[in-house]
Amino acid sequence: MSTSGKNELLFSHGINFNDLPQWQLRGIGFWWETFERPGFDPIREVEVAAIRRRLRIERELPMKDAYRRFIEDLVSQPSYQVNHGESMIP
């Protein structure tokens, strides 16, 4: 079915394709990212930087060539690599 045909089908059910949010058009991306958080070592009684992970959610993914560059940049980051036996695959 052509793009215009898909749009017409959606419109016949009361859905305007152009009014949908980006995440419904292209999906979402999520992956683990690492970040530094200030911490305190009670044994040595010094401030330290703790490395933590959090789930990053991206609701506005780029399109076409920008998407390819986005993925290439993401997988080239050190946090993407296997860490402590866990794969951090987006």
PDB file of N, CA and C in Angstrom:
ATOM      1  N   MET A   1       0.849  -1.170   0.000  1.00  0.00           N
ATOM      2  CA  MET A   1       0.000   0.000   0.000  1.00  0.00           C
ATOM      3  C   MET A   1       0.902   1.242   0.000  1.00  0.00           C
ATOM      4  N   SER A   2       0.520   2.224  -0.761  1.00  0.00           N
ATOM      5  CA  SER A   2       1.317   3.455  -0.842  1.00  0.00           C
ATOM      6  C   SER A   2       1.149   4.274   0.438  1.00  0.00           C
ATOM      7  N   THR A   3       2.017   5.255   0.610  1.00  0.00           N
ATOM      8  CA  THR A   3       1.945   6.128   1.781  1.00  0.00           C
ATOM      9  C   THR A   3       0.622   6.874   1.829  1.00  0.00           C
ATOM     10  N   SER A   4       0.193   7.386   0.676  1.00  0.00           N
ATOM     11  CA  SER A   4      -1.084   8.106   0.662  1.00  0.00           C
ATOM     12  C   SER A   4      -2.243   7.166   0.977  1.00  0.00           C
ATOM     13  N   GLY A   5      -2.158   5.926   0.522  1.00  0.00           N
ATOM     14  CA  GLY A   5      -3.196   4.938   0.827  1.00  0.00           C
ATOM     15  C   GLY A   5      -3.258   4.636   2.321  1.00  0.00           C
ATOM     16  N   LYS A   6      -2.076   4.540   2.953  1.00  0.00           N
ATOM     17  CA  LYS A   6      -2.030   4.309   4.399  1.00  0.00           C
ATOM     18  C   LYS A   6      -2.638   5.497   5.146  1.00  0.00           C
ATOM     19  N   ASN A   7      -2.291   6.703   4.701  1.00  0.00           N
ATOM     20  CA  ASN A   7      -2.841   7.900   5.337  1.00  0.00           C
ATOM     21  C   ASN A   7      -4.363   7.940   5.201  1.00  0.00           C
ATOM     22  N   GLU A   8      -4.868   7.584   4.039  1.00  0.00           N
ATOM     23  CA  GLU A   8      -6.318   7.559   3.818  1.00  0.00           C
ATOM     24  C   GLU A   8      -6.997   6.523   4.708  1.00  0.00           C
ATOM     25  N   LEU A   9      -6.361   5.355   4.852  1.00  0.00           N
ATOM     26  CA  LEU A   9      -6.919   4.312   5.710  1.00  0.00           C
ATOM     27  C   LEU A   9      -7.005   4.795   7.154  1.00  0.00           C
ATOM     28  N   LEU A  10      -5.931   5.404   7.645  1.00  0.00           N
ATOM     29  CA  LEU A  10      -5.940   5.944   9.003  1.00  0.00           C
ATOM     30  C   LEU A  10      -6.999   7.036   9.151  1.00  0.00           C
ATOM     31  N   PHE A  11      -7.068   7.914   8.162  1.00  0.00           N
ATOM     32  CA  PHE A  11      -8.016   9.034   8.214  1.00  0.00           C
ATOM     33  C   PHE A  11      -9.462   8.527   8.233  1.00  0.00           C
ATOM     34  N   SER A  12      -9.709   7.417   7.534  1.00  0.00           N
ATOM     35  CA  SER A  12     -11.072   6.857   7.526  1.00  0.00           C
ATOM     36  C   SER A  12     -11.480   6.343   8.910  1.00  0.00           C
ATOM     37  N   HIS A  13     -10.494   6.128   9.780  1.00  0.00           N
ATOM     38  CA  HIS A  13     -10.759   5.709  11.165  1.00  0.00           C
ATOM     39  C   HIS A  13     -10.570   6.861  12.149  1.00  0.00           C
ATOM     40  N   GLY A  14     -10.522   8.090  11.631  1.00  0.00           N
ATOM     41  CA  GLY A  14     -10.430   9.263  12.487  1.00  0.00           C
ATOM     42  C   GLY A  14      -9.038   9.603  12.971  1.00  0.00           C
ATOM     43  N   ILE A  15      -8.000   9.061  12.328  1.00  0.00           N
ATOM     44  CA  ILE A  15      -6.619   9.312  12.741  1.00  0.00           C
ATOM     45  C   ILE A  15      -5.919  10.124  11.667  1.00  0.00           C
ATOM     46  N   ASN A  16      -5.433  11.300  12.059  1.00  0.00           N
ATOM     47  CA  ASN A  16      -4.655  12.123  11.135  1.00  0.00           C
ATOM     48  C   ASN A  16      -3.170  11.827  11.386  1.00  0.00           C
ATOM     49  N   PHE A  17      -2.527  11.187  10.431  1.00  0.00           N
ATOM     50  CA  PHE A  17      -1.134  10.767  10.554  1.00  0.00           C
ATOM     51  C   PHE A  17      -0.218  11.931  10.938  1.00  0.00           C
ATOM     52  N   ASN A  18      -0.462  13.104  10.388  1.00  0.00           N
ATOM     53  CA  ASN A  18       0.406  14.253  10.645  1.00  0.00           C
ATOM     54  C   ASN A  18       0.272  14.801  12.062  1.00  0.00           C
ATOM     55  N   ASP A  19      -0.786  14.427  12.767  1.00  0.00           N
ATOM     56  CA  ASP A  19      -0.994  14.910  14.133  1.00  0.00           C
ATOM     57  C   ASP A  19      -0.457  13.949  15.195  1.00  0.00           C
ATOM     58  N   LEU A  20       0.022  12.784  14.783  1.00  0.00           N
ATOM     59  CA  LEU A  20       0.530  11.813  15.752  1.00  0.00           C
ATOM     60  C   LEU A  20       1.876  12.266  16.314  1.00  0.00           C
ATOM     61  N   PRO A  21       2.154  11.957  17.599  1.00  0.00           N
ATOM     62  CA  PRO A  21       3.462  12.295  18.164  1.00  0.00           C
ATOM     63  C   PRO A  21       4.564  11.459  17.517  1.00  0.00           C
ATOM     64  N   GLN A  22       5.780  11.988  17.547  1.00  0.00           N
ATOM     65  CA  GLN A  22       6.902  11.309  16.889  1.00  0.00           C
ATOM     66  C   GLN A  22       7.105   9.882  17.378  1.00  0.00           C
ATOM     67  N   TRP A  23       6.938   9.649  18.673  1.00  0.00           N
ATOM     68  CA  TRP A  23       7.194   8.302  19.180  1.00  0.00           C
ATOM     69  C   TRP A  23       6.222   7.291  18.589  1.00  0.00           C
ATOM     70  N   GLN A  24       5.016   7.723  18.217  1.00  0.00           N
ATOM     71  CA  GLN A  24       4.080   6.801  17.588  1.00  0.00           C
ATOM     72  C   GLN A  24       4.418   6.585  16.115  1.00  0.00           C
ATOM     73  N   LEU A  25       5.097   7.534  15.510  1.00  0.00           N
ATOM     74  CA  LEU A  25       5.460   7.403  14.096  1.00  0.00           C
ATOM     75  C   LEU A  25       6.714   6.559  13.914  1.00  0.00           C
ATOM     76  N   ARG A  26       7.718   6.765  14.782  1.00  0.00           N
ATOM     77  CA  ARG A  26       9.022   6.119  14.599  1.00  0.00           C
ATOM     78  C   ARG A  26       9.434   5.191  15.721  1.00  0.00           C
ATOM     79  N   GLY A  27       8.646   5.119  16.777  1.00  0.00           N
ATOM     80  CA  GLY A  27       9.012   4.304  17.926  1.00  0.00           C
ATOM     81  C   GLY A  27       9.890   5.095  18.884  1.00  0.00           C
ATOM     82  N   ILE A  28      10.423   4.390  19.885  1.00  0.00           N
ATOM     83  CA  ILE A  28      11.313   5.018  20.855  1.00  0.00           C
ATOM     84  C   ILE A  28      12.597   4.207  20.938  1.00  0.00           C
ATOM     85  N   GLY A  29      13.622   4.814  21.478  1.00  0.00           N
ATOM     86  CA  GLY A  29      14.880   4.114  21.717  1.00  0.00           C
ATOM     87  C   GLY A  29      15.181   4.152  23.201  1.00  0.00           C
ATOM     88  N   PHE A  30      15.781   3.085  23.708  1.00  0.00           N
ATOM     89  CA  PHE A  30      16.232   3.103  25.096  1.00  0.00           C
ATOM     90  C   PHE A  30      17.486   2.265  25.215  1.00  0.00           C
ATOM     91  N   TRP A  31      18.378   2.723  26.081  1.00  0.00           N
ATOM     92  CA  TRP A  31      19.659   2.067  26.279  1.00  0.00           C
ATOM     93  C   TRP A  31      20.211   2.482  27.625  1.00  0.00           C
ATOM     94  N   TRP A  32      21.194   1.701  28.096  1.00  0.00           N
ATOM     95  CA  TRP A  32      21.876   2.033  29.337  1.00  0.00           C
ATOM     96  C   TRP A  32      22.906   3.118  29.047  1.00  0.00           C
ATOM     97  N   GLU A  33      22.995   4.088  29.943  1.00  0.00           N
ATOM     98  CA  GLU A  33      24.067   5.069  29.866  1.00  0.00           C
ATOM     99  C   GLU A  33      24.716   5.161  31.241  1.00  0.00           C
ATOM    100  N   THR A  34      25.995   5.484  31.251  1.00  0.00           N
ATOM    101  CA  THR A  34      26.710   5.638  32.510  1.00  0.00           C
ATOM    102  C   THR A  34      26.841   7.117  32.832  1.00  0.00           C
ATOM    103  N   PHE A  35      26.897   7.412  34.129  1.00  0.00           N
ATOM    104  CA  PHE A  35      27.071   8.787  34.568  1.00  0.00           C
ATOM    105  C   PHE A  35      27.795   8.785  35.904  1.00  0.00           C
ATOM    106  N   GLU A  36      28.422   9.903  36.224  1.00  0.00           N
ATOM    107  CA  GLU A  36      29.115  10.048  37.493  1.00  0.00           C
ATOM    108  C   GLU A  36      28.195  10.673  38.518  1.00  0.00           C
ATOM    109  N   ARG A  37      28.297  10.156  39.722  1.00  0.00           N
ATOM    110  CA  ARG A  37      27.502  10.699  40.818  1.00  0.00           C
ATOM    111  C   ARG A  37      28.437  10.906  41.998  1.00  0.00           C
ATOM    112  N   PRO A  38      28.364  12.052  42.650  1.00  0.00           N
ATOM    113  CA  PRO A  38      29.228  12.254  43.808  1.00  0.00           C
ATOM    114  C   PRO A  38      28.870  11.274  44.922  1.00  0.00           C
ATOM    115  N   GLY A  39      29.896  10.759  45.556  1.00  0.00           N
ATOM    116  CA  GLY A  39      29.689   9.809  46.642  1.00  0.00           C
ATOM    117  C   GLY A  39      30.684  10.063  47.755  1.00  0.00           C
ATOM    118  N   PHE A  40      30.622   9.231  48.780  1.00  0.00           N
ATOM    119  CA  PHE A  40      31.500   9.387  49.930  1.00  0.00           C
ATOM    120  C   PHE A  40      31.984   8.015  50.356  1.00  0.00           C
ATOM    121  N   ASP A  41      33.310   7.877  50.541  1.00  0.00           N
ATOM    122  CA  ASP A  41      33.917   6.634  51.016  1.00  0.00           C
ATOM    123  C   ASP A  41      34.049   6.751  52.533  1.00  0.00           C
ATOM    124  N   PRO A  42      33.198   6.034  53.287  1.00  0.00           N
ATOM    125  CA  PRO A  42      33.233   6.176  54.747  1.00  0.00           C
ATOM    126  C   PRO A  42      34.489   5.578  55.391  1.00  0.00           C
ATOM    127  N   ILE A  43      35.131   4.638  54.722  1.00  0.00           N
ATOM    128  CA  ILE A  43      36.334   4.028  55.292  1.00  0.00           C
ATOM    129  C   ILE A  43      37.506   5.005  55.221  1.00  0.00           C
ATOM    130  N   ARG A  44      37.713   5.597  54.050  1.00  0.00           N
ATOM    131  CA  ARG A  44      38.808   6.563  53.893  1.00  0.00           C
ATOM    132  C   ARG A  44      38.377   7.981  54.231  1.00  0.00           C
ATOM    133  N   GLU A  45      37.065   8.188  54.413  1.00  0.00           N
ATOM    134  CA  GLU A  45      36.480   9.485  54.727  1.00  0.00           C
ATOM    135  C   GLU A  45      36.854  10.551  53.692  1.00  0.00           C
ATOM    136  N   VAL A  46      36.638  10.190  52.425  1.00  0.00           N
ATOM    137  CA  VAL A  46      36.899  11.120  51.326  1.00  0.00           C
ATOM    138  C   VAL A  46      35.729  11.081  50.353  1.00  0.00           C
ATOM    139  N   GLU A  47      35.562  12.190  49.651  1.00  0.00           N
ATOM    140  CA  GLU A  47      34.557  12.215  48.594  1.00  0.00           C
ATOM    141  C   GLU A  47      35.106  11.501  47.368  1.00  0.00           C
ATOM    142  N   VAL A  48      34.257  10.740  46.714  1.00  0.00           N
ATOM    143  CA  VAL A  48      34.649   9.986  45.525  1.00  0.00           C
ATOM    144  C   VAL A  48      33.578  10.183  44.448  1.00  0.00           C
ATOM    145  N   ALA A  49      33.937   9.825  43.234  1.00  0.00           N
ATOM    146  CA  ALA A  49      32.976   9.839  42.128  1.00  0.00           C
ATOM    147  C   ALA A  49      32.540   8.396  41.891  1.00  0.00           C
ATOM    148  N   ALA A  50      31.250   8.150  42.014  1.00  0.00           N
ATOM    149  CA  ALA A  50      30.699   6.817  41.774  1.00  0.00           C
ATOM    150  C   ALA A  50      30.147   6.766  40.354  1.00  0.00           C
ATOM    151  N   ILE A  51      30.426   5.689  39.659  1.00  0.00           N
ATOM    152  CA  ILE A  51      29.900   5.482  38.312  1.00  0.00           C
ATOM    153  C   ILE A  51      28.609   4.673  38.432  1.00  0.00           C
ATOM    154  N   ARG A  52      27.558   5.203  37.866  1.00  0.00           N
ATOM    155  CA  ARG A  52      26.246   4.552  37.913  1.00  0.00           C
ATOM    156  C   ARG A  52      25.694   4.387  36.506  1.00  0.00           C
ATOM    157  N   ARG A  53      24.682   3.535  36.392  1.00  0.00           N
ATOM    158  CA  ARG A  53      23.985   3.355  35.116  1.00  0.00           C
ATOM    159  C   ARG A  53      22.538   3.780  35.283  1.00  0.00           C
ATOM    160  N   ARG A  54      21.969   4.281  34.213  1.00  0.00           N
ATOM    161  CA  ARG A  54      20.547   4.594  34.192  1.00  0.00           C
ATOM    162  C   ARG A  54      20.019   4.308  32.796  1.00  0.00           C
ATOM    163  N   LEU A  55      18.736   4.066  32.737  1.00  0.00           N
ATOM    164  CA  LEU A  55      18.089   3.783  31.462  1.00  0.00           C
ATOM    165  C   LEU A  55      17.758   5.105  30.783  1.00  0.00           C
ATOM    166  N   ARG A  56      18.295   5.291  29.597  1.00  0.00           N
ATOM    167  CA  ARG A  56      18.026   6.508  28.820  1.00  0.00           C
ATOM    168  C   ARG A  56      16.898   6.203  27.845  1.00  0.00           C
ATOM    169  N   ILE A  57      15.914   7.073  27.782  1.00  0.00           N
ATOM    170  CA  ILE A  57      14.778   6.905  26.879  1.00  0.00           C
ATOM    171  C   ILE A  57      14.734   8.090  25.932  1.00  0.00           C
ATOM    172  N   GLU A  58      14.713   7.799  24.651  1.00  0.00           N
ATOM    173  CA  GLU A  58      14.660   8.840  23.618  1.00  0.00           C
ATOM    174  C   GLU A  58      13.358   8.672  22.848  1.00  0.00           C
ATOM    175  N   ARG A  59      12.483   9.659  22.961  1.00  0.00           N
ATOM    176  CA  ARG A  59      11.175   9.580  22.309  1.00  0.00           C
ATOM    177  C   ARG A  59      11.144  10.271  20.954  1.00  0.00           C
ATOM    178  N   GLU A  60      12.213  10.964  20.610  1.00  0.00           N
ATOM    179  CA  GLU A  60      12.253  11.654  19.319  1.00  0.00           C
ATOM    180  C   GLU A  60      13.491  11.199  18.553  1.00  0.00           C
ATOM    181  N   LEU A  61      13.379  10.086  17.872  1.00  0.00           N
ATOM    182  CA  LEU A  61      14.487   9.536  17.109  1.00  0.00           C
ATOM    183  C   LEU A  61      14.652  10.277  15.786  1.00  0.00           C
ATOM    184  N   PRO A  62      15.899  10.472  15.357  1.00  0.00           N
ATOM    185  CA  PRO A  62      16.120  11.111  14.054  1.00  0.00           C
ATOM    186  C   PRO A  62      15.721  10.174  12.919  1.00  0.00           C
ATOM    187  N   MET A  63      15.705  10.721  11.711  1.00  0.00           N
ATOM    188  CA  MET A  63      15.319   9.928  10.539  1.00  0.00           C
ATOM    189  C   MET A  63      16.484   9.787   9.563  1.00  0.00           C
ATOM    190  N   LYS A  64      16.435   8.752   8.754  1.00  0.00           N
ATOM    191  CA  LYS A  64      17.315   8.499   7.615  1.00  0.00           C
ATOM    192  C   LYS A  64      18.796   8.581   7.979  1.00  0.00           C
ATOM    193  N   ASP A  65      19.569   9.443   7.313  1.00  0.00           N
ATOM    194  CA  ASP A  65      21.013   9.528   7.555  1.00  0.00           C
ATOM    195  C   ASP A  65      21.334   9.945   8.986  1.00  0.00           C
ATOM    196  N   ALA A  66      20.523  10.836   9.543  1.00  0.00           N
ATOM    197  CA  ALA A  66      20.741  11.268  10.930  1.00  0.00           C
ATOM    198  C   ALA A  66      20.561  10.096  11.886  1.00  0.00           C
ATOM    199  N   TYR A  67      19.637   9.182  11.579  1.00  0.00           N
ATOM    200  CA  TYR A  67      19.433   8.000  12.418  1.00  0.00           C
ATOM    201  C   TYR A  67      20.656   7.082  12.350  1.00  0.00           C
ATOM    202  N   ARG A  68      21.194   6.896  11.156  1.00  0.00           N
ATOM    203  CA  ARG A  68      22.385   6.056  11.003  1.00  0.00           C
ATOM    204  C   ARG A  68      23.547   6.622  11.819  1.00  0.00           C
ATOM    205  N   ARG A  69      23.763   7.945  11.726  1.00  0.00           N
ATOM    206  CA  ARG A  69      24.835   8.575  12.507  1.00  0.00           C
ATOM    207  C   ARG A  69      24.570   8.440  14.009  1.00  0.00           C
ATOM    208  N   PHE A  70      23.313   8.588  14.402  1.00  0.00           N
ATOM    209  CA  PHE A  70      22.924   8.449  15.805  1.00  0.00           C
ATOM    210  C   PHE A  70      23.301   7.063  16.327  1.00  0.00           C
ATOM    211  N   ILE A  71      22.981   6.012  15.579  1.00  0.00           N
ATOM    212  CA  ILE A  71      23.294   4.638  15.988  1.00  0.00           C
ATOM    213  C   ILE A  71      24.803   4.412  15.993  1.00  0.00           C
ATOM    214  N   GLU A  72      25.508   4.888  14.973  1.00  0.00           N
ATOM    215  CA  GLU A  72      26.964   4.732  14.930  1.00  0.00           C
ATOM    216  C   GLU A  72      27.619   5.402  16.131  1.00  0.00           C
ATOM    217  N   ASP A  73      27.174   6.596  16.478  1.00  0.00           N
ATOM    218  CA  ASP A  73      27.720   7.295  17.646  1.00  0.00           C
ATOM    219  C   ASP A  73      27.406   6.536  18.929  1.00  0.00           C
ATOM    220  N   LEU A  74      26.211   6.007  19.014  1.00  0.00           N
ATOM    221  CA  LEU A  74      25.794   5.289  20.212  1.00  0.00           C
ATOM    222  C   LEU A  74      26.622   4.029  20.439  1.00  0.00           C
ATOM    223  N   VAL A  75      26.816   3.234  19.406  1.00  0.00           N
ATOM    224  CA  VAL A  75      27.544   1.980  19.589  1.00  0.00           C
ATOM    225  C   VAL A  75      29.045   2.191  19.712  1.00  0.00           C
ATOM    226  N   SER A  76      29.545   3.362  19.356  1.00  0.00           N
ATOM    227  CA  SER A  76      30.975   3.622  19.502  1.00  0.00           C
ATOM    228  C   SER A  76      31.322   4.156  20.891  1.00  0.00           C
ATOM    229  N   GLN A  77      30.310   4.461  21.719  1.00  0.00           N
ATOM    230  CA  GLN A  77      30.561   4.945  23.071  1.00  0.00           C
ATOM    231  C   GLN A  77      31.042   3.802  23.947  1.00  0.00           C
ATOM    232  N   PRO A  78      31.973   4.086  24.871  1.00  0.00           N
ATOM    233  CA  PRO A  78      32.486   3.036  25.754  1.00  0.00           C
ATOM    234  C   PRO A  78      31.400   2.374  26.600  1.00  0.00           C
ATOM    235  N   SER A  79      30.338   3.099  26.961  1.00  0.00           N
ATOM    236  CA  SER A  79      29.287   2.518  27.802  1.00  0.00           C
ATOM    237  C   SER A  79      28.508   1.434  27.072  1.00  0.00           C
ATOM    238  N   TYR A  80      28.648   1.367  25.762  1.00  0.00           N
ATOM    239  CA  TYR A  80      27.952   0.346  24.979  1.00  0.00           C
ATOM    240  C   TYR A  80      28.625  -1.010  25.125  1.00  0.00           C
ATOM    241  N   GLN A  81      29.899  -1.000  25.468  1.00  0.00           N
ATOM    242  CA  GLN A  81      30.671  -2.232  25.539  1.00  0.00           C
ATOM    243  C   GLN A  81      30.186  -3.106  26.693  1.00  0.00           C
ATOM    244  N   VAL A  82      30.550  -4.379  26.647  1.00  0.00           N
ATOM    245  CA  VAL A  82      30.155  -5.310  27.701  1.00  0.00           C
ATOM    246  C   VAL A  82      30.870  -4.924  28.988  1.00  0.00           C
ATOM    247  N   ASN A  83      30.105  -4.846  30.087  1.00  0.00           N
ATOM    248  CA  ASN A  83      30.637  -4.407  31.369  1.00  0.00           C
ATOM    249  C   ASN A  83      30.169  -5.378  32.451  1.00  0.00           C
ATOM    250  N   HIS A  84      31.089  -6.036  33.117  1.00  0.00           N
ATOM    251  CA  HIS A  84      30.779  -6.970  34.198  1.00  0.00           C
ATOM    252  C   HIS A  84      29.842  -8.085  33.740  1.00  0.00           C
ATOM    253  N   GLY A  85      30.040  -8.549  32.526  1.00  0.00           N
ATOM    254  CA  GLY A  85      29.246  -9.658  32.024  1.00  0.00           C
ATOM    255  C   GLY A  85      27.859  -9.288  31.529  1.00  0.00           C
ATOM    256  N   GLU A  86      27.496  -8.018  31.596  1.00  0.00           N
ATOM    257  CA  GLU A  86      26.175  -7.596  31.123  1.00  0.00           C
ATOM    258  C   GLU A  86      26.336  -6.831  29.825  1.00  0.00           C
ATOM    259  N   SER A  87      25.543  -7.162  28.856  1.00  0.00           N
ATOM    260  CA  SER A  87      25.575  -6.445  27.590  1.00  0.00           C
ATOM    261  C   SER A  87      24.706  -5.210  27.689  1.00  0.00           C
ATOM    262  N   MET A  88      25.243  -4.075  27.297  1.00  0.00           N
ATOM    263  CA  MET A  88      24.486  -2.835  27.330  1.00  0.00           C
ATOM    264  C   MET A  88      23.986  -2.496  25.943  1.00  0.00           C
ATOM    265  N   ILE A  89      23.223  -3.367  25.368  1.00  0.00           N
ATOM    266  CA  ILE A  89      22.736  -3.175  24.005  1.00  0.00           C
ATOM    267  C   ILE A  89      21.484  -2.315  24.039  1.00  0.00           C
ATOM    268  N   PRO A  90      21.426  -1.278  23.190  1.00  0.00           N
ATOM    269  CA  PRO A  90      20.231  -0.422  23.187  1.00  0.00           C
ATOM    270  C   PRO A  90      19.029  -1.151  22.647  1.00  0.00           C
TER     271      PRO A  90
END
